[in-house]
């Protein structure tokens, strides 16, 4: 199961897992986009219209996936970024939206799927977060706060479920060429009175590799963590950011 996989990083992960022999269940909010993505990923891919911030939707997605494809061995939690903007201007509703869509979907999906993984004695769980978990962004205060919490949750889940053959890790992408990145470039362009293209160029210039990632490069790390070879890796929070993050912690 790969959440929010109709495009961007989620799509790239689903595609790579399919190429490794997995039958994949994807979800997203737009039926037309989902169906097109599923057709491109592979003929055995199943797609479901789901709002990951909605608990009933998540339970329904799990139920339908098990019914259509069988027990779930791999879960990749993923979602679009929460609302962005200056800290003082963010409303309670925006914080709640971020909380439900960024953090609680992880809690709920793992709670739904962990028992059957434990029964099988095997499972892979990977959370897609962001480099702002380690290096908070003034433009992304909600994301920075929640994703730092997800790092702690990852370690707690890893310790709790390791004895059942389940690994739990998170991947922290850096600046990646997706719709989210374009949105952030638009905010920067407005703030600095430059064009969106100039904002994207500036963003890339700040990365030691002098370019942004493509979604497949993030997916490669996730695919490895879902493999048999990664059986002894759990509780890690792995940066895939081209060297941008400077902190040691």
Protein backbone atom coordinates (compact mmCIF):
# COMPACT_ATOMS: atom_id res chain seq x y z
CA UNK A 1 0.00 0.00 0.00
CA UNK A 2 1.40 3.37 -1.08
CA UNK A 3 -0.50 6.47 0.02
CA UNK A 4 -0.87 9.60 -2.12
CA UNK A 5 0.61 7.83 -5.13
CA UNK A 6 -1.20 9.36 -8.08
CA UNK A 7 1.84 11.50 -8.86
CA UNK A 8 5.18 12.71 -7.55
CA UNK A 9 7.19 10.71 -5.02
CA UNK A 10 4.33 8.34 -4.17
CA UNK A 11 3.86 7.44 -7.83
CA UNK A 12 7.59 6.80 -8.29
CA UNK A 13 7.63 4.52 -5.21
CA UNK A 14 4.61 2.52 -6.40
CA UNK A 15 6.18 2.11 -9.84
CA UNK A 16 9.50 0.88 -8.48
CA UNK A 17 7.84 -1.55 -6.08
CA UNK A 18 5.83 -2.94 -8.99
CA UNK A 19 9.03 -3.38 -10.97
CA UNK A 20 10.37 -5.42 -8.03
CA UNK A 21 7.39 -7.77 -8.26
CA UNK A 22 4.92 -6.24 -5.82
CA UNK A 23 1.20 -5.94 -6.40
CA UNK A 24 0.44 -2.41 -5.34
CA UNK A 25 -2.55 -0.59 -3.89
CA UNK A 26 -2.46 3.19 -4.28
CA UNK A 27 -4.71 5.94 -3.03
CA UNK A 28 -5.32 9.60 -3.79
CA UNK A 29 -8.11 12.15 -3.85
CA UNK A 30 -8.83 12.42 -7.58
CA UNK A 31 -10.27 9.41 -9.39
CA UNK A 32 -9.20 10.39 -12.90
CA UNK A 33 -5.59 11.05 -11.90
CA UNK A 34 -5.50 7.84 -9.86
CA UNK A 35 -6.78 5.68 -12.69
CA UNK A 36 -4.21 7.10 -15.10
CA UNK A 37 -1.45 6.48 -12.56
CA UNK A 38 -2.58 2.90 -11.91
CA UNK A 39 -2.64 2.15 -15.64
CA UNK A 40 0.94 3.40 -15.96
CA UNK A 41 2.23 1.63 -12.86
CA UNK A 42 1.02 -1.84 -13.90
CA UNK A 43 -2.05 -3.85 -14.75
CA UNK A 44 -2.32 -5.47 -11.31
CA UNK A 45 -2.28 -2.10 -9.54
CA UNK A 46 -5.45 -1.18 -7.67
CA UNK A 47 -6.43 2.43 -7.02
CA UNK A 48 -8.81 3.86 -4.41
CA UNK A 49 -10.14 7.38 -3.87
CA UNK A 50 -9.14 8.22 -0.31
CA UNK A 51 -8.59 11.32 1.80
CA UNK A 52 -5.73 10.30 4.10
CA UNK A 53 -6.87 12.79 6.75
CA UNK A 54 -10.14 10.86 7.12
CA UNK A 55 -10.06 7.88 9.50
CA UNK A 56 -13.02 6.12 7.85
CA UNK A 57 -11.44 6.48 4.41
CA UNK A 58 -8.23 4.87 5.66
CA UNK A 59 -10.06 1.91 7.22
CA UNK A 60 -12.01 1.44 4.00
CA UNK A 61 -8.79 1.53 1.94
CA UNK A 62 -7.21 -1.17 4.09
CA UNK A 63 -10.35 -3.32 3.93
CA UNK A 64 -10.65 -3.01 0.14
CA UNK A 65 -6.95 -3.67 -0.43
CA UNK A 66 -7.04 -6.87 1.62
CA UNK A 67 -10.19 -7.95 -0.18
CA UNK A 68 -8.74 -7.28 -3.64
CA UNK A 69 -5.05 -8.17 -3.19
CA UNK A 70 -4.65 -10.11 0.05
CA UNK A 71 -2.70 -9.37 3.23
CA UNK A 72 -0.46 -6.31 3.16
CA UNK A 73 3.31 -6.80 3.52
CA UNK A 74 4.48 -3.24 2.79
CA UNK A 75 3.06 0.11 3.86
CA UNK A 76 4.43 3.43 2.60
CA UNK A 77 2.78 6.40 4.29
CA UNK A 78 2.87 9.56 2.23
CA UNK A 79 0.84 12.73 1.82
CA UNK A 80 0.94 16.17 0.31
CA UNK A 81 2.57 18.78 2.51
CA UNK A 82 0.51 20.63 5.15
CA UNK A 83 -0.31 24.33 4.76
CA UNK A 84 2.71 26.61 4.39
CA UNK A 85 3.17 30.20 5.53
CA UNK A 86 4.60 32.43 8.27
CA UNK A 87 4.14 31.04 11.77
CA UNK A 88 2.12 33.99 13.07
CA UNK A 89 -0.38 33.80 10.21
CA UNK A 90 -1.30 30.10 10.45
CA UNK A 91 -4.76 29.39 11.84
CA UNK A 92 -5.97 26.65 14.18
CA UNK A 93 -7.78 25.06 11.24
CA UNK A 94 -4.55 24.92 9.23
CA UNK A 95 -2.72 23.30 12.14
CA UNK A 96 -5.53 20.76 12.55
CA UNK A 97 -5.50 20.00 8.81
CA UNK A 98 -1.77 19.38 9.01
CA UNK A 99 -2.12 17.21 12.11
CA UNK A 100 -4.79 14.97 10.60
CA UNK A 101 -3.20 14.66 7.17
CA UNK A 102 0.48 14.48 8.10
CA UNK A 103 0.65 12.68 11.44
CA UNK A 104 -2.61 10.92 12.26
CA UNK A 105 -2.76 9.06 8.94
CA UNK A 106 0.48 7.32 9.99
CA UNK A 107 -0.88 6.42 13.42
CA UNK A 108 -4.10 5.07 11.93
CA UNK A 109 -2.62 3.09 9.03
CA UNK A 110 0.03 1.41 11.17
CA UNK A 111 -2.58 0.56 13.80
CA UNK A 112 -4.73 -1.06 11.10
CA UNK A 113 -1.95 -3.06 9.43
CA UNK A 114 0.56 -3.97 12.12
CA UNK A 115 -1.46 -6.89 13.58
CA UNK A 116 -1.59 -8.84 10.30
CA UNK A 117 2.11 -8.12 9.63
CA UNK A 118 2.93 -9.43 13.10
CA UNK A 119 0.86 -12.54 12.43
CA UNK A 120 2.88 -13.13 9.26
CA UNK A 121 6.17 -12.41 11.03
CA UNK A 122 7.20 -9.98 8.28
CA UNK A 123 6.49 -6.38 7.38
CA UNK A 124 8.00 -3.21 5.98
CA UNK A 125 6.75 0.24 6.96
CA UNK A 126 8.30 3.40 5.51
CA UNK A 127 7.15 6.93 6.28
CA UNK A 128 7.83 9.68 3.74
CA UNK A 129 8.58 12.89 5.63
CA UNK A 130 10.92 15.79 4.78
CA UNK A 131 14.32 17.28 5.50
CA UNK A 132 12.51 19.93 7.59
CA UNK A 133 12.19 17.24 10.27
CA UNK A 134 15.92 17.82 10.92
CA UNK A 135 16.28 21.41 9.73
CA UNK A 136 13.10 23.40 10.44
CA UNK A 137 11.91 25.87 7.84
CA UNK A 138 10.39 29.25 8.69
CA UNK A 139 8.15 28.87 5.64
CA UNK A 140 6.96 25.42 6.77
CA UNK A 141 6.33 25.60 10.53
CA UNK A 142 3.52 23.04 10.55
CA UNK A 143 5.47 20.55 8.48
CA UNK A 144 8.65 21.13 10.50
CA UNK A 145 6.85 20.50 13.79
CA UNK A 146 4.90 17.42 12.73
CA UNK A 147 7.68 15.76 10.76
CA UNK A 148 10.07 16.07 13.68
CA UNK A 149 7.44 14.21 15.69
CA UNK A 150 7.25 11.53 12.99
CA UNK A 151 10.96 10.84 13.51
CA UNK A 152 10.24 10.03 17.15
CA UNK A 153 7.18 7.97 16.18
CA UNK A 154 9.29 6.01 13.70
CA UNK A 155 11.73 5.00 16.42
CA UNK A 156 8.94 4.08 18.83
CA UNK A 157 7.16 1.94 16.24
CA UNK A 158 10.43 0.28 15.27
CA UNK A 159 11.18 -0.76 18.85
CA UNK A 160 7.61 -1.91 19.45
CA UNK A 161 7.33 -4.10 16.35
CA UNK A 162 10.89 -5.36 15.73
CA UNK A 163 10.25 -8.66 17.55
CA UNK A 164 7.54 -9.44 14.97
CA UNK A 165 9.85 -9.12 11.97
CA UNK A 166 8.52 -5.67 11.08
CA UNK A 167 10.90 -2.84 10.21
CA UNK A 168 9.86 0.80 10.46
CA UNK A 169 11.91 3.59 8.89
CA UNK A 170 11.38 7.06 7.50
CA UNK A 171 12.83 8.74 4.43
CA UNK A 172 13.39 12.50 4.51
CA UNK A 173 13.45 13.86 0.94
CA UNK A 174 15.17 17.11 0.13
CA UNK A 175 14.02 19.46 -2.61
CA UNK A 176 12.43 17.24 -5.24
CA UNK A 177 10.89 18.23 -8.57
CA UNK A 178 7.21 17.78 -7.72
CA UNK A 179 4.07 19.95 -7.61
CA UNK A 180 4.81 20.69 -3.94
CA UNK A 181 8.20 22.14 -4.92
CA UNK A 182 6.56 24.38 -7.50
CA UNK A 183 4.13 25.64 -4.85
CA UNK A 184 7.00 26.47 -2.49
CA UNK A 185 8.79 28.24 -5.34
CA UNK A 186 5.67 30.34 -5.91
CA UNK A 187 5.69 31.38 -2.25
CA UNK A 188 9.37 32.28 -2.44
CA UNK A 189 8.86 34.18 -5.69
CA UNK A 190 6.14 36.28 -4.09
CA UNK A 191 8.20 36.88 -0.96
CA UNK A 192 11.36 37.91 -2.83
CA UNK A 193 9.71 39.60 -5.85
CA UNK A 194 11.24 37.20 -8.38
CA UNK A 195 9.80 34.77 -10.92
CA UNK A 196 8.94 31.16 -10.11
CA UNK A 197 11.68 29.96 -12.46
CA UNK A 198 14.21 32.17 -10.68
CA UNK A 199 13.03 30.80 -7.35
CA UNK A 200 13.54 27.22 -8.55
CA UNK A 201 17.04 28.07 -9.81
CA UNK A 202 17.91 29.67 -6.47
CA UNK A 203 16.58 26.64 -4.60
CA UNK A 204 18.75 24.31 -6.64
CA UNK A 205 21.82 26.52 -6.26
CA UNK A 206 21.67 26.13 -2.47
CA UNK A 207 22.03 22.34 -2.71
CA UNK A 208 25.63 21.01 -2.74
CA UNK A 209 24.82 18.89 -5.81
CA UNK A 210 23.45 22.04 -7.51
CA UNK A 211 20.27 20.30 -8.61
CA UNK A 212 17.02 19.02 -7.18
CA UNK A 213 16.21 15.36 -6.83
CA UNK A 214 13.86 13.57 -9.15
CA UNK A 215 11.16 11.43 -7.57
CA UNK A 216 12.77 8.17 -8.70
CA UNK A 217 15.86 8.95 -6.58
CA UNK A 218 13.70 9.19 -3.46
CA UNK A 219 11.84 6.04 -4.47
CA UNK A 220 15.10 4.11 -4.75
CA UNK A 221 15.82 4.58 -1.04
CA UNK A 222 12.29 3.52 -0.13
CA UNK A 223 12.42 0.45 -2.35
CA UNK A 224 15.64 -0.68 -0.66
CA UNK A 225 14.13 -0.27 2.81
CA UNK A 226 11.22 -2.46 1.69
CA UNK A 227 13.55 -5.25 0.53
CA UNK A 228 14.84 -8.43 2.17
CA UNK A 229 18.33 -6.91 2.13
CA UNK A 230 17.20 -4.20 4.57
CA UNK A 231 15.94 -6.71 7.15
CA UNK A 232 18.25 -5.41 9.90
CA UNK A 233 17.62 -1.70 9.32
CA UNK A 234 14.88 -0.28 11.53
CA UNK A 235 14.21 2.93 13.42
CA UNK A 236 16.25 5.02 11.00
CA UNK A 237 15.42 8.43 9.56
CA UNK A 238 17.27 8.63 6.26
CA UNK A 239 18.00 11.93 4.52
CA UNK A 240 17.91 11.92 0.72
CA UNK A 241 18.68 15.58 0.17
CA UNK A 242 21.82 15.92 -1.96
CA UNK A 243 23.83 17.00 1.09
CA UNK A 244 21.70 20.04 1.91
CA UNK A 245 21.06 19.38 5.60
CA UNK A 246 24.04 20.43 7.71
CA UNK A 247 23.15 19.26 11.22
CA UNK A 248 24.70 16.17 12.78
CA UNK A 249 21.76 15.12 14.96
